[in-house]
């Protein structure tokens, strides 16, 4: 059995409301789970990082991957 642990320390610049904290935690949990799935299915760390970032970028909760224009 392989023990896998992923941590997310940053979910985008700007203000993050304390009221939405449970939602941020859920999003980070989902992102980490996706990364773990990639590793368990034979992907490498880079593949897992891309999968995690994609979950964060695709969420309307964070502004990850979006620029201010």
PDB file of N, CA and C in Angstrom:
ATOM      1  N   UNK A   1       0.836  -1.176   0.000  1.00  0.00           N
ATOM      2  CA  UNK A   1       0.000   0.000   0.000  1.00  0.00           C
ATOM      3  C   UNK A   1       0.880   1.239   0.000  1.00  0.00           C
ATOM      4  N   UNK A   2       0.503   2.191  -0.828  1.00  0.00           N
ATOM      5  CA  UNK A   2       1.243   3.444  -0.919  1.00  0.00           C
ATOM      6  C   UNK A   2       0.446   4.522  -0.202  1.00  0.00           C
ATOM      7  N   UNK A   3       1.108   5.230   0.699  1.00  0.00           N
ATOM      8  CA  UNK A   3       0.474   6.338   1.406  1.00  0.00           C
ATOM      9  C   UNK A   3       0.757   7.612   0.616  1.00  0.00           C
ATOM     10  N   UNK A   4      -0.294   8.278   0.172  1.00  0.00           N
ATOM     11  CA  UNK A   4      -0.156   9.487  -0.636  1.00  0.00           C
ATOM     12  C   UNK A   4      -0.790  10.648   0.102  1.00  0.00           C
ATOM     13  N   UNK A   5      -0.056  11.746   0.184  1.00  0.00           N
ATOM     14  CA  UNK A   5      -0.596  12.945   0.809  1.00  0.00           C
ATOM     15  C   UNK A   5      -0.324  14.134  -0.101  1.00  0.00           C
ATOM     16  N   UNK A   6      -1.351  14.918  -0.367  1.00  0.00           N
ATOM     17  CA  UNK A   6      -1.211  16.138  -1.146  1.00  0.00           C
ATOM     18  C   UNK A   6      -1.683  17.303  -0.306  1.00  0.00           C
ATOM     19  N   UNK A   7      -0.995  18.425  -0.412  1.00  0.00           N
ATOM     20  CA  UNK A   7      -1.392  19.635   0.298  1.00  0.00           C
ATOM     21  C   UNK A   7      -1.515  20.772  -0.697  1.00  0.00           C
ATOM     22  N   UNK A   8      -2.534  21.577  -0.535  1.00  0.00           N
ATOM     23  CA  UNK A   8      -2.698  22.785  -1.338  1.00  0.00           C
ATOM     24  C   UNK A   8      -2.526  23.963  -0.391  1.00  0.00           C
ATOM     25  N   UNK A   9      -1.576  24.831  -0.726  1.00  0.00           N
ATOM     26  CA  UNK A   9      -1.274  25.954   0.147  1.00  0.00           C
ATOM     27  C   UNK A   9      -1.757  27.293  -0.402  1.00  0.00           C
ATOM     28  N   UNK A  10      -2.219  27.326  -1.642  1.00  0.00           N
ATOM     29  CA  UNK A  10      -2.570  28.594  -2.268  1.00  0.00           C
ATOM     30  C   UNK A  10      -3.663  28.366  -3.298  1.00  0.00           C
ATOM     31  N   UNK A  11      -4.732  29.134  -3.255  1.00  0.00           N
ATOM     32  CA  UNK A  11      -5.819  28.966  -4.215  1.00  0.00           C
ATOM     33  C   UNK A  11      -6.151  30.259  -4.944  1.00  0.00           C
ATOM     34  N   UNK A  12      -5.145  31.015  -5.287  1.00  0.00           N
ATOM     35  CA  UNK A  12      -5.377  32.237  -6.058  1.00  0.00           C
ATOM     36  C   UNK A  12      -5.187  33.481  -5.218  1.00  0.00           C
ATOM     37  N   UNK A  13      -4.855  34.546  -5.905  1.00  0.00           N
ATOM     38  CA  UNK A  13      -4.627  35.829  -5.247  1.00  0.00           C
ATOM     39  C   UNK A  13      -5.958  36.488  -4.918  1.00  0.00           C
ATOM     40  N   UNK A  14      -5.895  37.470  -4.073  1.00  0.00           N
ATOM     41  CA  UNK A  14      -7.086  38.245  -3.772  1.00  0.00           C
ATOM     42  C   UNK A  14      -7.693  37.864  -2.443  1.00  0.00           C
ATOM     43  N   UNK A  15      -8.841  38.431  -2.188  1.00  0.00           N
ATOM     44  CA  UNK A  15      -9.553  38.237  -0.928  1.00  0.00           C
ATOM     45  C   UNK A  15     -10.395  36.972  -0.995  1.00  0.00           C
ATOM     46  N   UNK A  16     -10.295  36.153   0.035  1.00  0.00           N
ATOM     47  CA  UNK A  16     -11.105  34.951   0.135  1.00  0.00           C
ATOM     48  C   UNK A  16     -11.948  35.062   1.408  1.00  0.00           C
ATOM     49  N   UNK A  17     -13.236  35.133   1.223  1.00  0.00           N
ATOM     50  CA  UNK A  17     -14.161  35.325   2.325  1.00  0.00           C
ATOM     51  C   UNK A  17     -14.125  34.167   3.314  1.00  0.00           C
ATOM     52  N   UNK A  18     -14.069  34.509   4.589  1.00  0.00           N
ATOM     53  CA  UNK A  18     -14.087  33.492   5.638  1.00  0.00           C
ATOM     54  C   UNK A  18     -15.421  32.732   5.616  1.00  0.00           C
ATOM     55  N   UNK A  19     -16.465  33.372   5.144  1.00  0.00           N
ATOM     56  CA  UNK A  19     -17.781  32.741   5.052  1.00  0.00           C
ATOM     57  C   UNK A  19     -17.751  31.564   4.068  1.00  0.00           C
ATOM     58  N   UNK A  20     -16.891  31.673   3.053  1.00  0.00           N
ATOM     59  CA  UNK A  20     -16.800  30.615   2.046  1.00  0.00           C
ATOM     60  C   UNK A  20     -15.742  29.565   2.381  1.00  0.00           C
ATOM     61  N   UNK A  21     -15.141  29.669   3.557  1.00  0.00           N
ATOM     62  CA  UNK A  21     -14.066  28.743   3.923  1.00  0.00           C
ATOM     63  C   UNK A  21     -14.440  27.274   3.750  1.00  0.00           C
ATOM     64  N   UNK A  22     -15.630  26.835   4.164  1.00  0.00           N
ATOM     65  CA  UNK A  22     -15.979  25.424   3.954  1.00  0.00           C
ATOM     66  C   UNK A  22     -15.976  25.044   2.469  1.00  0.00           C
ATOM     67  N   UNK A  23     -16.367  25.975   1.620  1.00  0.00           N
ATOM     68  CA  UNK A  23     -16.381  25.712   0.178  1.00  0.00           C
ATOM     69  C   UNK A  23     -14.960  25.603  -0.377  1.00  0.00           C
ATOM     70  N   UNK A  24     -14.066  26.479   0.117  1.00  0.00           N
ATOM     71  CA  UNK A  24     -12.666  26.398  -0.303  1.00  0.00           C
ATOM     72  C   UNK A  24     -12.047  25.069   0.135  1.00  0.00           C
ATOM     73  N   UNK A  25     -12.351  24.665   1.368  1.00  0.00           N
ATOM     74  CA  UNK A  25     -11.808  23.399   1.870  1.00  0.00           C
ATOM     75  C   UNK A  25     -12.326  22.225   1.046  1.00  0.00           C
ATOM     76  N   UNK A  26     -13.607  22.250   0.689  1.00  0.00           N
ATOM     77  CA  UNK A  26     -14.178  21.184  -0.134  1.00  0.00           C
ATOM     78  C   UNK A  26     -13.510  21.154  -1.509  1.00  0.00           C
ATOM     79  N   UNK A  27     -13.325  22.329  -2.105  1.00  0.00           N
ATOM     80  CA  UNK A  27     -12.670  22.410  -3.406  1.00  0.00           C
ATOM     81  C   UNK A  27     -11.247  21.861  -3.332  1.00  0.00           C
ATOM     82  N   UNK A  28     -10.512  22.240  -2.310  1.00  0.00           N
ATOM     83  CA  UNK A  28      -9.141  21.734  -2.157  1.00  0.00           C
ATOM     84  C   UNK A  28      -9.129  20.226  -1.952  1.00  0.00           C
ATOM     85  N   UNK A  29     -10.091  19.721  -1.207  1.00  0.00           N
ATOM     86  CA  UNK A  29     -10.201  18.280  -1.004  1.00  0.00           C
ATOM     87  C   UNK A  29     -10.459  17.571  -2.332  1.00  0.00           C
ATOM     88  N   UNK A  30     -11.366  18.125  -3.132  1.00  0.00           N
ATOM     89  CA  UNK A  30     -11.667  17.534  -4.445  1.00  0.00           C
ATOM     90  C   UNK A  30     -10.442  17.574  -5.355  1.00  0.00           C
ATOM     91  N   UNK A  31      -9.717  18.680  -5.319  1.00  0.00           N
ATOM     92  CA  UNK A  31      -8.516  18.806  -6.148  1.00  0.00           C
ATOM     93  C   UNK A  31      -7.455  17.786  -5.731  1.00  0.00           C
ATOM     94  N   UNK A  32      -7.246  17.662  -4.439  1.00  0.00           N
ATOM     95  CA  UNK A  32      -6.270  16.678  -3.949  1.00  0.00           C
ATOM     96  C   UNK A  32      -6.686  15.260  -4.304  1.00  0.00           C
ATOM     97  N   UNK A  33      -7.962  14.968  -4.176  1.00  0.00           N
ATOM     98  CA  UNK A  33      -8.450  13.628  -4.521  1.00  0.00           C
ATOM     99  C   UNK A  33      -8.180  13.323  -5.984  1.00  0.00           C
ATOM    100  N   UNK A  34      -8.369  14.309  -6.845  1.00  0.00           N
ATOM    101  CA  UNK A  34      -8.091  14.116  -8.269  1.00  0.00           C
ATOM    102  C   UNK A  34      -6.608  13.805  -8.485  1.00  0.00           C
ATOM    103  N   UNK A  35      -5.745  14.516  -7.798  1.00  0.00           N
ATOM    104  CA  UNK A  35      -4.307  14.248  -7.910  1.00  0.00           C
ATOM    105  C   UNK A  35      -3.943  12.854  -7.431  1.00  0.00           C
ATOM    106  N   UNK A  36      -4.553  12.423  -6.349  1.00  0.00           N
ATOM    107  CA  UNK A  36      -4.311  11.077  -5.822  1.00  0.00           C
ATOM    108  C   UNK A  36      -4.772  10.024  -6.822  1.00  0.00           C
ATOM    109  N   UNK A  37      -5.921  10.258  -7.456  1.00  0.00           N
ATOM    110  CA  UNK A  37      -6.416   9.319  -8.469  1.00  0.00           C
ATOM    111  C   UNK A  37      -5.417   9.177  -9.616  1.00  0.00           C
ATOM    112  N   UNK A  38      -4.823  10.293 -10.020  1.00  0.00           N
ATOM    113  CA  UNK A  38      -3.833  10.256 -11.107  1.00  0.00           C
ATOM    114  C   UNK A  38      -2.629   9.410 -10.701  1.00  0.00           C
ATOM    115  N   UNK A  39      -2.117   9.628  -9.497  1.00  0.00           N
ATOM    116  CA  UNK A  39      -0.960   8.864  -9.008  1.00  0.00           C
ATOM    117  C   UNK A  39      -1.308   7.376  -8.913  1.00  0.00           C
ATOM    118  N   UNK A  40      -2.457   7.069  -8.351  1.00  0.00           N
ATOM    119  CA  UNK A  40      -2.846   5.663  -8.180  1.00  0.00           C
ATOM    120  C   UNK A  40      -3.073   4.952  -9.510  1.00  0.00           C
ATOM    121  N   UNK A  41      -3.388   5.722 -10.547  1.00  0.00           N
ATOM    122  CA  UNK A  41      -3.601   5.097 -11.853  1.00  0.00           C
ATOM    123  C   UNK A  41      -2.325   5.072 -12.697  1.00  0.00           C
ATOM    124  N   UNK A  42      -1.194   5.376 -12.067  1.00  0.00           N
ATOM    125  CA  UNK A  42       0.089   5.254 -12.748  1.00  0.00           C
ATOM    126  C   UNK A  42       0.688   6.551 -13.252  1.00  0.00           C
ATOM    127  N   UNK A  43       0.013   7.667 -13.036  1.00  0.00           N
ATOM    128  CA  UNK A  43       0.553   8.953 -13.458  1.00  0.00           C
ATOM    129  C   UNK A  43       1.714   9.378 -12.571  1.00  0.00           C
ATOM    130  N   UNK A  44       2.481  10.338 -13.041  1.00  0.00           N
ATOM    131  CA  UNK A  44       3.599  10.829 -12.240  1.00  0.00           C
ATOM    132  C   UNK A  44       3.195  12.123 -11.514  1.00  0.00           C
ATOM    133  N   UNK A  45       4.135  12.694 -10.767  1.00  0.00           N
ATOM    134  CA  UNK A  45       3.841  13.885  -9.971  1.00  0.00           C
ATOM    135  C   UNK A  45       3.424  15.064 -10.844  1.00  0.00           C
ATOM    136  N   UNK A  46       4.036  15.194 -11.997  1.00  0.00           N
ATOM    137  CA  UNK A  46       3.659  16.292 -12.898  1.00  0.00           C
ATOM    138  C   UNK A  46       2.227  16.128 -13.391  1.00  0.00           C
ATOM    139  N   UNK A  47       1.856  14.909 -13.737  1.00  0.00           N
ATOM    140  CA  UNK A  47       0.480  14.639 -14.172  1.00  0.00           C
ATOM    141  C   UNK A  47      -0.506  14.971 -13.054  1.00  0.00           C
ATOM    142  N   UNK A  48      -0.156  14.607 -11.834  1.00  0.00           N
ATOM    143  CA  UNK A  48      -1.018  14.872 -10.687  1.00  0.00           C
ATOM    144  C   UNK A  48      -1.147  16.369 -10.447  1.00  0.00           C
ATOM    145  N   UNK A  49      -0.037  17.092 -10.552  1.00  0.00           N
ATOM    146  CA  UNK A  49      -0.078  18.544 -10.348  1.00  0.00           C
ATOM    147  C   UNK A  49      -0.974  19.216 -11.378  1.00  0.00           C
ATOM    148  N   UNK A  50      -0.885  18.787 -12.622  1.00  0.00           N
ATOM    149  CA  UNK A  50      -1.737  19.349 -13.674  1.00  0.00           C
ATOM    150  C   UNK A  50      -3.209  19.076 -13.369  1.00  0.00           C
ATOM    151  N   UNK A  51      -3.523  17.879 -12.931  1.00  0.00           N
ATOM    152  CA  UNK A  51      -4.905  17.524 -12.618  1.00  0.00           C
ATOM    153  C   UNK A  51      -5.444  18.370 -11.464  1.00  0.00           C
ATOM    154  N   UNK A  52      -4.621  18.574 -10.438  1.00  0.00           N
ATOM    155  CA  UNK A  52      -5.022  19.381  -9.291  1.00  0.00           C
ATOM    156  C   UNK A  52      -5.274  20.824  -9.715  1.00  0.00           C
ATOM    157  N   UNK A  53      -4.348  21.374 -10.473  1.00  0.00           N
ATOM    158  CA  UNK A  53      -4.479  22.762 -10.923  1.00  0.00           C
ATOM    159  C   UNK A  53      -5.711  22.937 -11.802  1.00  0.00           C
ATOM    160  N   UNK A  54      -5.988  21.957 -12.635  1.00  0.00           N
ATOM    161  CA  UNK A  54      -7.159  22.049 -13.509  1.00  0.00           C
ATOM    162  C   UNK A  54      -8.450  22.139 -12.694  1.00  0.00           C
ATOM    163  N   UNK A  55      -8.549  21.352 -11.627  1.00  0.00           N
ATOM    164  CA  UNK A  55      -9.737  21.424 -10.772  1.00  0.00           C
ATOM    165  C   UNK A  55      -9.879  22.834 -10.192  1.00  0.00           C
ATOM    166  N   UNK A  56      -8.767  23.402  -9.719  1.00  0.00           N
ATOM    167  CA  UNK A  56      -8.810  24.741  -9.139  1.00  0.00           C
ATOM    168  C   UNK A  56      -9.131  25.795 -10.193  1.00  0.00           C
ATOM    169  N   UNK A  57      -8.536  25.661 -11.363  1.00  0.00           N
ATOM    170  CA  UNK A  57      -8.769  26.632 -12.433  1.00  0.00           C
ATOM    171  C   UNK A  57     -10.204  26.587 -12.943  1.00  0.00           C
ATOM    172  N   UNK A  58     -10.792  25.427 -12.963  1.00  0.00           N
ATOM    173  CA  UNK A  58     -12.143  25.276 -13.503  1.00  0.00           C
ATOM    174  C   UNK A  58     -13.237  25.688 -12.516  1.00  0.00           C
ATOM    175  N   UNK A  59     -12.872  25.933 -11.284  1.00  0.00           N
ATOM    176  CA  UNK A  59     -13.863  26.297 -10.275  1.00  0.00           C
ATOM    177  C   UNK A  59     -14.151  27.799 -10.304  1.00  0.00           C
ATOM    178  N   UNK A  60     -15.433  28.169 -10.295  1.00  0.00           N
ATOM    179  CA  UNK A  60     -15.768  29.586 -10.206  1.00  0.00           C
ATOM    180  C   UNK A  60     -15.473  30.168  -8.816  1.00  0.00           C
ATOM    181  N   UNK A  61     -15.185  29.308  -7.854  1.00  0.00           N
ATOM    182  CA  UNK A  61     -14.899  29.751  -6.494  1.00  0.00           C
ATOM    183  C   UNK A  61     -13.563  30.480  -6.402  1.00  0.00           C
ATOM    184  N   UNK A  62     -12.610  30.046  -7.181  1.00  0.00           N
ATOM    185  CA  UNK A  62     -11.295  30.690  -7.166  1.00  0.00           C
ATOM    186  C   UNK A  62     -11.088  31.428  -8.471  1.00  0.00           C
ATOM    187  N   UNK A  63     -10.109  32.302  -8.461  1.00  0.00           N
ATOM    188  CA  UNK A  63      -9.782  32.994  -9.705  1.00  0.00           C
ATOM    189  C   UNK A  63      -8.491  32.434 -10.297  1.00  0.00           C
ATOM    190  N   UNK A  64      -8.165  31.233  -9.900  1.00  0.00           N
ATOM    191  CA  UNK A  64      -6.952  30.593 -10.407  1.00  0.00           C
ATOM    192  C   UNK A  64      -7.063  30.449 -11.919  1.00  0.00           C
ATOM    193  N   UNK A  65      -6.013  30.804 -12.615  1.00  0.00           N
ATOM    194  CA  UNK A  65      -5.997  30.660 -14.065  1.00  0.00           C
ATOM    195  C   UNK A  65      -6.718  31.768 -14.807  1.00  0.00           C
ATOM    196  N   UNK A  66      -7.193  32.756 -14.099  1.00  0.00           N
ATOM    197  CA  UNK A  66      -7.882  33.871 -14.746  1.00  0.00           C
ATOM    198  C   UNK A  66      -7.109  35.150 -14.447  1.00  0.00           C
ATOM    199  N   UNK A  67      -7.016  35.984 -15.424  1.00  0.00           N
ATOM    200  CA  UNK A  67      -6.299  37.248 -15.191  1.00  0.00           C
ATOM    201  C   UNK A  67      -7.296  38.382 -15.003  1.00  0.00           C
ATOM    202  N   UNK A  68      -6.821  39.423 -14.403  1.00  0.00           N
ATOM    203  CA  UNK A  68      -7.639  40.633 -14.261  1.00  0.00           C
ATOM    204  C   UNK A  68      -7.331  41.528 -15.432  1.00  0.00           C
ATOM    205  N   UNK A  69      -8.288  41.724 -16.284  1.00  0.00           N
ATOM    206  CA  UNK A  69      -8.095  42.574 -17.459  1.00  0.00           C
ATOM    207  C   UNK A  69      -9.013  43.769 -17.369  1.00  0.00           C
TER     208      UNK A  69
END
